[in-house]
C-alpha cells in the first residue's frame, strides 16, 4: 500500500519508513562473517570481493523478507526496479 512518508508509527529505534521500499545496497562486500570487522567502520572485506551486499526486502516481497538481517549479494552491476540505496545526510 502506498502512503506518505511518516504515515505509520516508527520502529523500536524511532525510524520511519525503513522497510518495504527497495532492497538496499550496502557498503559491505560479500565476505564470511567469521572475518574480523575493521576498527572504525565495522566493514569486513575489501574491494577485491566480487559481490556487494544488499538488505531489507522490497515491495515485491512478503513481510518475512522486510528485515535488515536478510543479507543477500550480487555483482554491483545488477539493476532491478526493486533494488536501490538510501540517501542519507548527517545533521549536526
N, C-alpha and C. Protein backbone atom coordinates (compact mmCIF):
# COMPACT_ATOMS: atom_id res chain seq x y z
N UNK A 1 0.84 -1.17 0.00
CA UNK A 1 0.00 0.00 0.00
C UNK A 1 0.89 1.24 0.00
N UNK A 2 0.59 2.21 -0.82
CA UNK A 2 1.33 3.47 -0.86
C UNK A 2 0.86 4.39 0.26
N UNK A 3 1.78 5.11 0.82
CA UNK A 3 1.43 6.06 1.89
C UNK A 3 2.47 7.17 1.92
N UNK A 4 2.09 8.30 2.46
CA UNK A 4 3.02 9.42 2.60
C UNK A 4 4.11 9.07 3.62
N UNK A 5 5.27 9.63 3.45
CA UNK A 5 6.39 9.43 4.37
C UNK A 5 5.95 9.81 5.78
N UNK A 6 6.27 8.95 6.75
CA UNK A 6 5.95 9.23 8.15
C UNK A 6 4.51 8.95 8.53
N UNK A 7 3.75 8.29 7.67
CA UNK A 7 2.34 8.00 7.97
C UNK A 7 2.21 7.02 9.13
N UNK A 8 3.07 6.03 9.14
CA UNK A 8 2.97 4.98 10.15
C UNK A 8 3.91 5.21 11.32
N UNK A 9 3.64 4.52 12.43
CA UNK A 9 4.47 4.66 13.63
C UNK A 9 5.91 4.25 13.33
N UNK A 10 6.88 4.82 14.07
CA UNK A 10 8.28 4.42 13.88
C UNK A 10 8.52 3.03 14.47
N UNK A 11 9.64 2.43 14.08
CA UNK A 11 10.01 1.13 14.66
C UNK A 11 10.60 1.35 16.05
N UNK A 12 11.10 0.29 16.66
CA UNK A 12 11.63 0.37 18.03
C UNK A 12 12.83 1.30 18.15
N UNK A 13 13.48 1.63 17.04
CA UNK A 13 14.63 2.53 17.06
C UNK A 13 14.23 3.97 16.75
N UNK A 14 12.94 4.21 16.56
CA UNK A 14 12.47 5.55 16.24
C UNK A 14 12.57 5.91 14.77
N UNK A 15 12.80 4.92 13.92
CA UNK A 15 12.96 5.17 12.49
C UNK A 15 11.65 4.92 11.74
N UNK A 16 11.34 5.80 10.82
CA UNK A 16 10.15 5.66 9.98
C UNK A 16 10.53 5.12 8.61
N UNK A 17 9.63 4.39 8.00
CA UNK A 17 9.71 4.04 6.58
C UNK A 17 11.00 3.31 6.20
N UNK A 18 11.47 2.44 7.07
CA UNK A 18 12.74 1.75 6.81
C UNK A 18 12.54 0.52 5.93
N UNK A 19 11.46 -0.20 6.09
CA UNK A 19 11.27 -1.47 5.38
C UNK A 19 10.23 -1.37 4.27
N UNK A 20 10.37 -2.23 3.28
CA UNK A 20 9.34 -2.42 2.29
C UNK A 20 9.43 -1.54 1.06
N UNK A 21 10.44 -0.77 0.90
CA UNK A 21 10.58 0.06 -0.29
C UNK A 21 11.36 -0.75 -1.33
N UNK A 22 12.67 -0.67 -1.30
CA UNK A 22 13.52 -1.45 -2.21
C UNK A 22 14.62 -2.12 -1.40
N UNK A 23 15.14 -3.21 -1.94
CA UNK A 23 16.35 -3.79 -1.36
C UNK A 23 17.40 -2.69 -1.35
N UNK A 24 18.18 -2.61 -0.31
CA UNK A 24 19.14 -1.52 -0.18
C UNK A 24 20.57 -2.01 -0.33
N UNK A 25 21.27 -1.45 -1.34
CA UNK A 25 22.70 -1.74 -1.47
C UNK A 25 23.41 -1.23 -0.22
N UNK A 26 24.36 -2.01 0.27
CA UNK A 26 25.15 -1.61 1.44
C UNK A 26 26.60 -1.42 1.02
N UNK A 27 27.36 -0.82 1.88
CA UNK A 27 28.77 -0.57 1.59
C UNK A 27 29.60 -1.86 1.68
N UNK A 28 29.09 -2.86 2.39
CA UNK A 28 29.82 -4.10 2.61
C UNK A 28 30.02 -4.90 1.33
N UNK A 29 31.18 -5.53 1.22
CA UNK A 29 31.45 -6.53 0.19
C UNK A 29 31.11 -7.88 0.79
N UNK A 30 30.75 -8.82 -0.02
CA UNK A 30 30.32 -10.13 0.45
C UNK A 30 31.52 -10.98 0.86
N UNK A 31 31.69 -11.11 2.17
CA UNK A 31 32.72 -11.98 2.75
C UNK A 31 32.10 -12.71 3.94
N UNK A 32 32.77 -13.73 4.42
CA UNK A 32 32.26 -14.52 5.54
C UNK A 32 32.18 -13.69 6.81
N UNK A 33 31.14 -13.94 7.61
CA UNK A 33 31.01 -13.26 8.89
C UNK A 33 32.14 -13.60 9.85
N UNK A 34 32.83 -14.70 9.65
CA UNK A 34 33.94 -15.07 10.52
C UNK A 34 35.12 -14.11 10.41
N UNK A 35 35.14 -13.33 9.37
CA UNK A 35 36.22 -12.36 9.18
C UNK A 35 36.04 -11.19 10.14
N UNK A 36 37.12 -10.78 10.79
CA UNK A 36 37.05 -9.70 11.76
C UNK A 36 36.67 -8.38 11.10
N UNK A 37 35.75 -7.62 11.71
CA UNK A 37 35.41 -6.30 11.16
C UNK A 37 36.55 -5.31 11.40
N UNK A 38 36.66 -4.35 10.50
CA UNK A 38 37.68 -3.31 10.66
C UNK A 38 37.31 -2.40 11.82
N UNK A 39 38.31 -1.91 12.49
CA UNK A 39 38.10 -0.93 13.56
C UNK A 39 37.72 0.38 12.91
N UNK A 40 36.72 1.03 13.47
CA UNK A 40 36.31 2.34 12.97
C UNK A 40 35.01 2.31 12.20
N UNK A 41 34.93 1.46 11.16
CA UNK A 41 33.70 1.45 10.37
C UNK A 41 32.97 0.11 10.39
N UNK A 42 33.59 -0.93 10.95
CA UNK A 42 32.94 -2.23 11.09
C UNK A 42 32.81 -3.04 9.81
N UNK A 43 33.37 -2.56 8.71
CA UNK A 43 33.28 -3.30 7.46
C UNK A 43 34.18 -4.52 7.48
N UNK A 44 33.73 -5.55 6.76
CA UNK A 44 34.54 -6.75 6.58
C UNK A 44 34.90 -6.84 5.11
N UNK A 45 36.08 -7.28 4.83
CA UNK A 45 36.44 -7.50 3.44
C UNK A 45 37.00 -6.27 2.75
N UNK A 46 37.35 -6.47 1.52
CA UNK A 46 37.98 -5.42 0.74
C UNK A 46 37.33 -5.34 -0.62
N UNK A 47 37.69 -4.33 -1.36
CA UNK A 47 37.14 -4.13 -2.70
C UNK A 47 37.45 -5.28 -3.64
N UNK A 48 38.34 -6.16 -3.26
CA UNK A 48 38.69 -7.27 -4.13
C UNK A 48 37.59 -8.33 -4.19
N UNK A 49 36.61 -8.28 -3.29
CA UNK A 49 35.49 -9.22 -3.35
C UNK A 49 34.67 -8.93 -4.60
N UNK A 50 33.96 -9.93 -5.09
CA UNK A 50 33.22 -9.78 -6.35
C UNK A 50 31.79 -9.29 -6.17
N UNK A 51 31.21 -9.51 -5.00
CA UNK A 51 29.81 -9.20 -4.78
C UNK A 51 29.60 -8.19 -3.65
N UNK A 52 28.59 -7.34 -3.81
CA UNK A 52 28.20 -6.39 -2.77
C UNK A 52 26.96 -6.93 -2.06
N UNK A 53 26.76 -6.49 -0.84
CA UNK A 53 25.62 -6.91 -0.03
C UNK A 53 24.45 -5.98 -0.27
N UNK A 54 23.25 -6.54 -0.27
CA UNK A 54 22.03 -5.74 -0.19
C UNK A 54 21.10 -6.36 0.84
N UNK A 55 20.29 -5.52 1.48
CA UNK A 55 19.46 -5.95 2.61
C UNK A 55 18.08 -5.31 2.56
N UNK A 56 17.16 -5.86 3.36
CA UNK A 56 15.94 -5.18 3.71
C UNK A 56 14.64 -5.57 3.04
N UNK A 57 14.64 -6.33 1.97
CA UNK A 57 13.40 -6.66 1.30
C UNK A 57 12.89 -5.51 0.45
N UNK A 58 11.85 -5.76 -0.33
CA UNK A 58 11.29 -4.73 -1.19
C UNK A 58 9.79 -4.89 -1.29
N UNK A 59 9.18 -4.02 -2.06
CA UNK A 59 7.74 -4.08 -2.24
C UNK A 59 7.29 -5.35 -2.96
N UNK A 60 8.19 -6.08 -3.58
CA UNK A 60 7.87 -7.35 -4.23
C UNK A 60 7.79 -8.50 -3.24
N UNK A 61 8.35 -8.33 -2.05
CA UNK A 61 8.49 -9.43 -1.10
C UNK A 61 7.46 -9.36 0.01
N UNK A 62 7.24 -10.51 0.63
CA UNK A 62 6.37 -10.57 1.79
C UNK A 62 7.08 -10.02 3.02
N UNK A 63 6.33 -9.89 4.11
CA UNK A 63 6.86 -9.32 5.34
C UNK A 63 8.05 -10.10 5.89
N UNK A 64 8.13 -11.39 5.63
CA UNK A 64 9.24 -12.19 6.14
C UNK A 64 10.59 -11.74 5.57
N UNK A 65 10.61 -11.04 4.45
CA UNK A 65 11.85 -10.53 3.87
C UNK A 65 12.15 -9.10 4.31
N UNK A 66 11.18 -8.40 4.88
CA UNK A 66 11.35 -6.99 5.25
C UNK A 66 12.07 -6.87 6.59
N UNK A 67 13.33 -7.21 6.59
CA UNK A 67 14.14 -7.13 7.81
C UNK A 67 15.59 -6.90 7.42
N UNK A 68 16.28 -6.08 8.16
CA UNK A 68 17.66 -5.74 7.82
C UNK A 68 18.61 -6.93 7.99
N UNK A 69 18.20 -7.94 8.74
CA UNK A 69 19.06 -9.12 8.93
C UNK A 69 19.15 -9.96 7.67
N UNK A 70 18.21 -9.81 6.75
CA UNK A 70 18.27 -10.55 5.49
C UNK A 70 19.43 -10.03 4.66
N UNK A 71 20.39 -10.88 4.37
CA UNK A 71 21.63 -10.47 3.71
C UNK A 71 21.80 -11.26 2.43
N UNK A 72 21.81 -10.55 1.31
CA UNK A 72 21.99 -11.18 0.01
C UNK A 72 23.08 -10.44 -0.73
N UNK A 73 23.59 -11.03 -1.80
CA UNK A 73 24.67 -10.37 -2.53
C UNK A 73 24.53 -10.56 -4.03
N UNK A 74 25.17 -9.67 -4.75
CA UNK A 74 25.20 -9.74 -6.21
C UNK A 74 26.33 -8.87 -6.72
N UNK A 75 26.61 -9.01 -7.99
CA UNK A 75 27.59 -8.12 -8.61
C UNK A 75 27.05 -6.69 -8.56
N UNK A 76 27.91 -5.71 -8.33
CA UNK A 76 27.46 -4.32 -8.23
C UNK A 76 26.77 -3.80 -9.49
N UNK A 77 26.91 -4.48 -10.59
CA UNK A 77 26.29 -4.05 -11.84
C UNK A 77 24.81 -4.44 -11.95
N UNK A 78 24.30 -5.23 -10.99
CA UNK A 78 22.91 -5.65 -11.02
C UNK A 78 21.97 -4.45 -10.98
N UNK A 79 20.99 -4.43 -11.87
CA UNK A 79 19.97 -3.39 -11.89
C UNK A 79 18.59 -4.03 -11.85
N UNK A 80 17.77 -3.61 -10.90
CA UNK A 80 16.39 -4.08 -10.78
C UNK A 80 15.55 -2.93 -10.26
N UNK A 81 14.24 -2.95 -10.55
CA UNK A 81 13.38 -1.86 -10.08
C UNK A 81 13.14 -1.92 -8.57
N UNK A 82 13.45 -3.04 -7.96
CA UNK A 82 13.25 -3.17 -6.51
C UNK A 82 14.57 -3.22 -5.75
N UNK A 83 15.61 -2.59 -6.30
CA UNK A 83 16.93 -2.57 -5.68
C UNK A 83 17.50 -1.16 -5.82
N UNK A 84 17.90 -0.57 -4.71
CA UNK A 84 18.41 0.79 -4.77
C UNK A 84 19.30 1.11 -3.58
N UNK A 85 19.24 2.34 -3.14
CA UNK A 85 20.04 2.77 -2.00
C UNK A 85 19.25 3.78 -1.20
N UNK A 86 19.71 4.05 -0.01
CA UNK A 86 19.04 5.00 0.87
C UNK A 86 19.95 6.20 1.06
N UNK A 87 19.63 7.32 0.40
CA UNK A 87 20.44 8.52 0.60
C UNK A 87 20.35 8.96 2.07
N UNK A 88 21.44 9.42 2.59
CA UNK A 88 21.46 9.87 3.98
C UNK A 88 22.32 11.13 4.09
N UNK A 89 21.99 11.95 5.05
CA UNK A 89 22.72 13.18 5.27
C UNK A 89 22.94 13.34 6.76
N UNK A 90 24.16 13.68 7.14
CA UNK A 90 24.46 13.94 8.54
C UNK A 90 23.86 15.29 8.93
N UNK A 91 23.11 15.31 10.01
CA UNK A 91 22.55 16.56 10.51
C UNK A 91 23.21 16.85 11.83
N UNK A 92 23.85 17.98 11.92
CA UNK A 92 24.55 18.34 13.17
C UNK A 92 23.70 19.24 14.03
